[in-house]
Protein backbone atom coordinates (compact mmCIF):
# COMPACT_ATOMS: atom_id res chain seq x y z
CA MET A 1 -14.46 33.54 -18.39
CA GLU A 2 -14.05 30.18 -20.12
CA VAL A 3 -10.53 29.81 -18.71
CA GLN A 4 -11.74 30.60 -15.20
CA LYS A 5 -14.38 27.86 -15.37
CA PHE A 6 -11.74 25.44 -16.60
CA TYR A 7 -9.49 26.19 -13.61
CA GLU A 8 -12.43 26.12 -11.19
CA ALA A 9 -13.30 22.63 -12.42
CA ILE A 10 -9.70 21.48 -11.91
CA VAL A 11 -9.57 22.93 -8.40
CA SER A 12 -12.91 21.37 -7.54
CA ARG A 13 -11.76 17.90 -8.66
CA ASN A 14 -8.46 18.27 -6.82
CA LEU A 15 -10.19 19.32 -3.59
CA LYS A 16 -12.23 16.12 -3.75
CA LEU A 17 -9.06 14.08 -4.32
CA VAL A 18 -7.29 15.79 -1.41
CA SER A 19 -10.25 15.00 0.84
CA GLU A 20 -10.19 11.34 -0.23
CA LEU A 21 -6.42 11.20 0.30
CA GLU A 22 -6.80 12.60 3.82
CA GLU A 23 -9.48 9.98 4.60
CA THR A 24 -7.24 7.21 3.25
CA GLU A 25 -4.29 8.43 5.31
CA ALA A 26 -6.44 8.59 8.45
CA ALA A 27 -7.63 5.03 7.82
CA ARG A 28 -4.04 3.86 7.30
CA ARG A 29 -2.95 5.45 10.58
CA GLU A 30 -5.86 3.79 12.40
CA VAL A 31 -4.98 0.36 10.99
CA VAL A 32 -1.34 0.82 12.01
CA ARG A 33 -2.49 1.83 15.50
CA GLN A 34 -4.88 -1.13 15.83
CA LEU A 35 -2.20 -3.57 14.70
CA GLY A 36 0.23 -2.07 17.17
CA LEU A 37 2.81 -1.30 14.51
CA SER A 38 5.23 1.57 14.59
CA GLU A 39 5.82 3.61 11.45
CA GLU A 40 9.25 1.97 11.20
CA GLY A 41 7.71 -1.49 11.50
CA LEU A 42 5.18 -0.70 8.81
CA ARG A 43 7.91 0.63 6.54
CA ALA A 44 9.96 -2.53 7.05
CA ALA A 45 6.92 -4.72 6.31
CA LEU A 46 6.19 -2.78 3.11
CA ILE A 47 9.80 -3.12 1.96
CA LEU A 48 9.71 -6.87 2.65
CA GLN A 49 6.43 -7.12 0.73
CA TRP A 50 7.94 -5.28 -2.22
CA LEU A 51 11.03 -7.52 -2.23
CA LEU A 52 8.90 -10.66 -2.05
CA ARG A 53 6.77 -9.50 -4.99
CA LEU A 54 9.91 -8.73 -6.98
CA TYR A 55 11.32 -12.18 -6.19
CA ALA A 56 8.01 -13.86 -7.07
CA ARG A 57 7.98 -12.08 -10.41
CA ARG A 58 11.48 -13.37 -11.09
CA VAL A 59 11.15 -17.02 -10.02
CA GLY A 60 7.40 -17.51 -10.24
CA GLU A 61 4.72 -17.51 -7.58
CA PRO A 62 4.51 -21.34 -7.25
CA ASN A 63 8.24 -21.47 -6.44
CA VAL A 64 7.86 -18.78 -3.79
CA LEU A 65 4.92 -20.61 -2.22
CA ARG A 66 6.93 -23.86 -2.12
CA LEU A 67 9.84 -22.03 -0.50
CA ILE A 68 7.59 -20.47 2.15
CA LYS A 69 5.99 -23.84 2.86
CA LYS A 70 9.46 -25.36 3.23
CA LEU A 71 10.56 -22.53 5.55
CA LEU A 72 7.48 -23.09 7.69
CA GLY A 73 8.40 -26.75 7.95
CA GLY A 74 5.46 -28.01 5.93
CA ARG A 75 3.03 -27.05 8.69
CA HIS A 76 0.77 -25.11 6.34
């Protein structure tokens, strides 16, 4: 009986996590829809974000910010 309660507790926690994951996924889809992005566009943006973070870790955030400012022509 002790083992059954243990597994019931695990299943109960996981059901809550699955519910939260489904809510998060629904919210993500709604944001993508509201922004007018396609799944491919979102994927490309996430890859670019990851690459930029990797580059910032390598050269330092201040250098990345200077580079972006230079690319924008000093407008910002």
